[in-house]
Each structure stands twice: as C-alpha cells, then as structure tokens.
Amino acid sequence: MLDYMRPFVRVLAAFLATYGAGLVGFLFVDAGDANWYASLAKPALTPSVATFAIVWLILYGLTAAALAIVWTRKVPAEHSSGWVRFFFIQLLFSMCYTMFFFGFHSAFIAFMDILFLGAIVLALTASAADIDRRAVYLMTPYFLWILFAGYLTMGVWLLN
C-alpha cells in the first residue's frame, strides 16, 4: 500500500508546495500595494493585474506538474533528486521576488532576484531533458514568462 501512496503524496506535495510558495509570496502584498503599483511608470506591454493573476495560476500548475513528473518516475534519472532540490530553491526565489517587489517596493532587488530565478529555471528546464521531456515542455512557458517579468521589472526600476 505504501508503494502506491508514495507517488500520490509526492504529486500532492508538488502542487501544495508550488501553490503554497505563491500564497506565501502573496502574503507580502497588501491593499496599499495596489495604489503603489498603479502609481508606477511601467514599460510597454505591461499586462493588467488580472492577466498577471491568471498567468501565475496557470504557470504554478504547469511547474507543479513538471515537479510531479520528475519526482514520481518509476526509474529516477541520475540527477532527479538534484533537480527536485533546485526546483524548491527556485520556489524560494519566486516567493522572494514578490516580497522584494511588492513588500519592500524595491524593483532593483526584485530584478536581481529574477535574474537568479531565470538562471535556475533555465538550468532546470535544460536538465529536465535528461529526465523526462514532458517536464521541459511544462517548464518552458515559466522560463519565458520569467524573461518577460524580468523585462517588466527592469522597466519599472529604470522608469521610477
């Protein structure tokens, strides 16, 4: 019975940890931050706040699925455990980005954070090819969004 439960527990943990990290980051956002964000000069192509929320909910699901795939393989790849550890590290950087940008109102520190986050996610995406190609496909939109978010963060930093 335990052998059958283990994959389920890991899938559940993947989704709880990923969405939980997003929730913890969101705890640093308060009502006053909406006014602060609205007052900022923003670069071209800045999406609406609602678009950000929808995209992040989708991306959390995609990346949680990638983690679940890597973490529940019947025959783990040689570096699967390292991949999983780095996935949790990127969750920390993702959570900190929200804290730095919205909690501390520091676009510069948030931009530095997203540079590290992007590098980690790029490494995760590239190394997932040796584990399971599905994880690559699931992580790629996240990496592309981080590039876009980096552009937006740099724009906010330079324009304000």
C-alpha atoms as a PDB file:
ATOM      1  CA  MET A   1       0.000   0.000   0.000  1.00  0.00           C
ATOM      2  CA  LEU A   2       2.822   2.413   0.849  1.00  0.00           C
ATOM      3  CA  ASP A   3       4.368   1.957  -2.622  1.00  0.00           C
ATOM      4  CA  TYR A   4       1.107   3.130  -4.214  1.00  0.00           C
ATOM      5  CA  MET A   5       0.727   6.070  -1.831  1.00  0.00           C
ATOM      6  CA  ARG A   6       4.201   7.441  -2.304  1.00  0.00           C
ATOM      7  CA  PRO A   7       3.617   8.816  -5.829  1.00  0.00           C
ATOM      8  CA  PHE A   8       0.277  10.304  -4.755  1.00  0.00           C
ATOM      9  CA  VAL A   9       1.892  12.002  -1.756  1.00  0.00           C
ATOM     10  CA  ARG A  10       4.642  13.423  -3.977  1.00  0.00           C
ATOM     11  CA  VAL A  11       2.145  14.741  -6.537  1.00  0.00           C
ATOM     12  CA  LEU A  12       0.122  16.325  -3.759  1.00  0.00           C
ATOM     13  CA  ALA A  13       3.280  17.794  -2.197  1.00  0.00           C
ATOM     14  CA  ALA A  14       4.366  19.187  -5.584  1.00  0.00           C
ATOM     15  CA  PHE A  15       1.112  21.090  -6.014  1.00  0.00           C
ATOM     16  CA  LEU A  16       0.843  22.180  -2.374  1.00  0.00           C
ATOM     17  CA  ALA A  17       4.452  23.429  -2.297  1.00  0.00           C
ATOM     18  CA  THR A  18       4.194  25.269  -5.603  1.00  0.00           C
ATOM     19  CA  TYR A  19       0.877  26.994  -4.932  1.00  0.00           C
ATOM     20  CA  GLY A  20       1.892  27.434  -1.283  1.00  0.00           C
ATOM     21  CA  ALA A  21       5.008  29.354  -2.307  1.00  0.00           C
ATOM     22  CA  GLY A  22       2.824  31.617  -4.423  1.00  0.00           C
ATOM     23  CA  LEU A  23       0.487  32.138  -1.477  1.00  0.00           C
ATOM     24  CA  VAL A  24       3.339  32.949   0.912  1.00  0.00           C
ATOM     25  CA  GLY A  25       4.703  35.491  -1.582  1.00  0.00           C
ATOM     26  CA  PHE A  26       1.213  36.974  -1.909  1.00  0.00           C
ATOM     27  CA  LEU A  27       1.076  37.465   1.881  1.00  0.00           C
ATOM     28  CA  PHE A  28       3.573  40.296   1.383  1.00  0.00           C
ATOM     29  CA  VAL A  29       1.082  42.165  -0.809  1.00  0.00           C
ATOM     30  CA  ASP A  30      -1.378  44.414   0.992  1.00  0.00           C
ATOM     31  CA  ALA A  31      -4.142  46.775  -0.103  1.00  0.00           C
ATOM     32  CA  GLY A  32      -1.787  49.768  -0.220  1.00  0.00           C
ATOM     33  CA  ASP A  33       0.439  47.982  -2.706  1.00  0.00           C
ATOM     34  CA  ALA A  34      -2.261  48.211  -5.381  1.00  0.00           C
ATOM     35  CA  ASN A  35      -2.131  52.012  -5.158  1.00  0.00           C
ATOM     36  CA  TRP A  36       1.669  51.970  -5.151  1.00  0.00           C
ATOM     37  CA  TYR A  37       1.781  49.697  -8.207  1.00  0.00           C
ATOM     38  CA  ALA A  38      -0.840  51.773 -10.038  1.00  0.00           C
ATOM     39  CA  SER A  39       1.256  54.920  -9.466  1.00  0.00           C
ATOM     40  CA  LEU A  40       4.377  53.435 -11.088  1.00  0.00           C
ATOM     41  CA  ALA A  41       5.523  54.242 -14.599  1.00  0.00           C
ATOM     42  CA  LYS A  42       5.509  50.911 -16.415  1.00  0.00           C
ATOM     43  CA  PRO A  43       7.181  49.720 -19.604  1.00  0.00           C
ATOM     44  CA  ALA A  44       5.314  48.964 -22.807  1.00  0.00           C
ATOM     45  CA  LEU A  45       3.420  45.647 -22.934  1.00  0.00           C
ATOM     46  CA  THR A  46       2.639  45.636 -19.198  1.00  0.00           C
ATOM     47  CA  PRO A  47      -0.380  43.366 -18.774  1.00  0.00           C
ATOM     48  CA  SER A  48      -3.320  44.044 -16.478  1.00  0.00           C
ATOM     49  CA  VAL A  49      -3.259  42.877 -12.866  1.00  0.00           C
ATOM     50  CA  ALA A  50      -5.937  40.299 -13.718  1.00  0.00           C
ATOM     51  CA  THR A  51      -3.741  38.907 -16.505  1.00  0.00           C
ATOM     52  CA  PHE A  52      -0.853  38.514 -14.057  1.00  0.00           C
ATOM     53  CA  ALA A  53      -3.069  36.546 -11.673  1.00  0.00           C
ATOM     54  CA  ILE A  54      -4.386  34.217 -14.382  1.00  0.00           C
ATOM     55  CA  VAL A  55      -0.942  33.599 -15.872  1.00  0.00           C
ATOM     56  CA  TRP A  56       0.620  32.839 -12.486  1.00  0.00           C
ATOM     57  CA  LEU A  57      -2.144  30.395 -11.572  1.00  0.00           C
ATOM     58  CA  ILE A  58      -1.563  28.541 -14.843  1.00  0.00           C
ATOM     59  CA  LEU A  59       2.236  28.620 -14.504  1.00  0.00           C
ATOM     60  CA  TYR A  60       2.111  27.279 -10.947  1.00  0.00           C
ATOM     61  CA  GLY A  61       0.043  24.352 -12.229  1.00  0.00           C
ATOM     62  CA  LEU A  62       2.439  23.658 -15.114  1.00  0.00           C
ATOM     63  CA  THR A  63       5.535  23.771 -12.945  1.00  0.00           C
ATOM     64  CA  ALA A  64       3.919  21.675 -10.208  1.00  0.00           C
ATOM     65  CA  ALA A  65       3.097  19.085 -12.869  1.00  0.00           C
ATOM     66  CA  ALA A  66       6.738  19.140 -14.029  1.00  0.00           C
ATOM     67  CA  LEU A  67       7.899  18.562 -10.457  1.00  0.00           C
ATOM     68  CA  ALA A  68       5.374  15.748 -10.035  1.00  0.00           C
ATOM     69  CA  ILE A  69       6.569  14.051 -13.232  1.00  0.00           C
ATOM     70  CA  VAL A  70      10.232  14.203 -12.240  1.00  0.00           C
ATOM     71  CA  TRP A  71       9.572  13.261  -8.621  1.00  0.00           C
ATOM     72  CA  THR A  72       7.366  10.238  -9.343  1.00  0.00           C
ATOM     73  CA  ARG A  73       9.301   8.485 -12.114  1.00  0.00           C
ATOM     74  CA  LYS A  74       9.391   4.740 -11.560  1.00  0.00           C
ATOM     75  CA  VAL A  75      13.045   4.720 -12.600  1.00  0.00           C
ATOM     76  CA  PRO A  76      14.553   8.026 -11.436  1.00  0.00           C
ATOM     77  CA  ALA A  77      17.202   9.614 -13.620  1.00  0.00           C
ATOM     78  CA  GLU A  78      20.664  10.014 -12.143  1.00  0.00           C
ATOM     79  CA  HIS A  79      20.163  13.682 -11.265  1.00  0.00           C
ATOM     80  CA  SER A  80      16.424  13.645 -10.438  1.00  0.00           C
ATOM     81  CA  SER A  81      16.997  14.323  -6.740  1.00  0.00           C
ATOM     82  CA  GLY A  82      19.204  17.318  -7.559  1.00  0.00           C
ATOM     83  CA  TRP A  83      16.541  18.582  -9.962  1.00  0.00           C
ATOM     84  CA  VAL A  84      13.908  18.367  -7.249  1.00  0.00           C
ATOM     85  CA  ARG A  85      16.136  20.260  -4.786  1.00  0.00           C
ATOM     86  CA  PHE A  86      16.757  23.033  -7.326  1.00  0.00           C
ATOM     87  CA  PHE A  87      13.040  23.197  -8.059  1.00  0.00           C
ATOM     88  CA  PHE A  88      12.420  24.009  -4.389  1.00  0.00           C
ATOM     89  CA  ILE A  89      15.214  26.594  -4.470  1.00  0.00           C
ATOM     90  CA  GLN A  90      13.570  28.316  -7.438  1.00  0.00           C
ATOM     91  CA  LEU A  91      10.305  28.380  -5.464  1.00  0.00           C
ATOM     92  CA  LEU A  92      12.142  30.321  -2.768  1.00  0.00           C
ATOM     93  CA  PHE A  93      13.452  32.836  -5.317  1.00  0.00           C
ATOM     94  CA  SER A  94       9.980  33.159  -6.831  1.00  0.00           C
ATOM     95  CA  MET A  95       8.462  33.804  -3.430  1.00  0.00           C
ATOM     96  CA  CYS A  96      11.173  36.347  -2.591  1.00  0.00           C
ATOM     97  CA  TYR A  97      10.558  38.227  -5.837  1.00  0.00           C
ATOM     98  CA  THR A  98       7.028  39.085  -4.707  1.00  0.00           C
ATOM     99  CA  MET A  99       8.303  40.051  -1.272  1.00  0.00           C
ATOM    100  CA  PHE A 100      11.022  42.333  -2.695  1.00  0.00           C
ATOM    101  CA  PHE A 101       8.854  43.955  -5.351  1.00  0.00           C
ATOM    102  CA  PHE A 102       5.561  44.412  -3.510  1.00  0.00           C
ATOM    103  CA  GLY A 103       6.533  44.073   0.148  1.00  0.00           C
ATOM    104  CA  PHE A 104       9.667  46.226   0.059  1.00  0.00           C
ATOM    105  CA  HIS A 105       8.816  48.217  -3.104  1.00  0.00           C
ATOM    106  CA  SER A 106      12.306  47.544  -4.409  1.00  0.00           C
ATOM    107  CA  ALA A 107      12.297  46.940  -8.149  1.00  0.00           C
ATOM    108  CA  PHE A 108      16.106  46.779  -8.152  1.00  0.00           C
ATOM    109  CA  ILE A 109      16.339  43.936  -5.606  1.00  0.00           C
ATOM    110  CA  ALA A 110      13.405  42.189  -7.313  1.00  0.00           C
ATOM    111  CA  PHE A 111      15.258  42.490 -10.636  1.00  0.00           C
ATOM    112  CA  MET A 112      18.402  40.946  -9.118  1.00  0.00           C
ATOM    113  CA  ASP A 113      16.244  38.160  -7.691  1.00  0.00           C
ATOM    114  CA  ILE A 114      14.582  37.461 -11.033  1.00  0.00           C
ATOM    115  CA  LEU A 115      17.986  37.211 -12.729  1.00  0.00           C
ATOM    116  CA  PHE A 116      18.908  34.361 -10.365  1.00  0.00           C
ATOM    117  CA  LEU A 117      15.438  32.870 -10.718  1.00  0.00           C
ATOM    118  CA  GLY A 118      15.735  32.912 -14.501  1.00  0.00           C
ATOM    119  CA  ALA A 119      19.136  31.221 -14.397  1.00  0.00           C
ATOM    120  CA  ILE A 120      17.837  28.490 -12.091  1.00  0.00           C
ATOM    121  CA  VAL A 121      14.716  27.904 -14.183  1.00  0.00           C
ATOM    122  CA  LEU A 122      16.785  27.788 -17.375  1.00  0.00           C
ATOM    123  CA  ALA A 123      19.044  25.167 -15.783  1.00  0.00           C
ATOM    124  CA  LEU A 124      16.004  23.200 -14.571  1.00  0.00           C
ATOM    125  CA  THR A 125      14.385  23.343 -17.995  1.00  0.00           C
ATOM    126  CA  ALA A 126      17.546  22.282 -19.827  1.00  0.00           C
ATOM    127  CA  SER A 127      18.409  19.488 -17.414  1.00  0.00           C
ATOM    128  CA  ALA A 128      14.844  18.151 -17.445  1.00  0.00           C
ATOM    129  CA  ALA A 129      15.513  16.882 -20.983  1.00  0.00           C
ATOM    130  CA  ASP A 130      17.659  14.108 -19.488  1.00  0.00           C
ATOM    131  CA  ILE A 131      14.899  13.151 -17.046  1.00  0.00           C
ATOM    132  CA  ASP A 132      11.576  13.489 -18.886  1.00  0.00           C
ATOM    133  CA  ARG A 133      10.821  15.650 -21.943  1.00  0.00           C
ATOM    134  CA  ARG A 134       7.357  16.447 -20.607  1.00  0.00           C
ATOM    135  CA  ALA A 135       8.978  18.448 -17.808  1.00  0.00           C
ATOM    136  CA  VAL A 136      10.799  20.541 -20.427  1.00  0.00           C
ATOM    137  CA  TYR A 137       7.509  21.383 -22.133  1.00  0.00           C
ATOM    138  CA  LEU A 138       5.901  22.251 -18.820  1.00  0.00           C
ATOM    139  CA  MET A 139       8.807  24.431 -17.616  1.00  0.00           C
ATOM    140  CA  THR A 140       9.364  26.352 -20.876  1.00  0.00           C
ATOM    141  CA  PRO A 141       6.354  28.712 -20.517  1.00  0.00           C
ATOM    142  CA  TYR A 142       7.532  29.525 -17.000  1.00  0.00           C
ATOM    143  CA  PHE A 143      11.013  30.404 -18.232  1.00  0.00           C
ATOM    144  CA  LEU A 144       9.566  32.595 -20.998  1.00  0.00           C
ATOM    145  CA  TRP A 145       7.301  34.363 -18.500  1.00  0.00           C
ATOM    146  CA  ILE A 146      10.273  34.989 -16.197  1.00  0.00           C
ATOM    147  CA  LEU A 147      12.111  36.611 -19.111  1.00  0.00           C
ATOM    148  CA  PHE A 148       9.083  38.819 -19.700  1.00  0.00           C
ATOM    149  CA  ALA A 149       8.729  39.577 -15.975  1.00  0.00           C
ATOM    150  CA  GLY A 150      12.429  40.466 -15.896  1.00  0.00           C
ATOM    151  CA  TYR A 151      11.855  42.956 -18.711  1.00  0.00           C
ATOM    152  CA  LEU A 152       8.890  44.443 -16.841  1.00  0.00           C
ATOM    153  CA  THR A 153      10.796  44.626 -13.544  1.00  0.00           C
ATOM    154  CA  MET A 154      13.807  46.258 -15.172  1.00  0.00           C
ATOM    155  CA  GLY A 155      11.449  48.724 -16.838  1.00  0.00           C
ATOM    156  CA  VAL A 156       9.797  49.642 -13.546  1.00  0.00           C
ATOM    157  CA  TRP A 157      13.213  50.020 -11.918  1.00  0.00           C
ATOM    158  CA  LEU A 158      14.554  52.283 -14.684  1.00  0.00           C
ATOM    159  CA  LEU A 159      11.382  54.337 -15.132  1.00  0.00           C
ATOM    160  CA  ASN A 160      10.830  55.133 -11.465  1.00  0.00           C
END
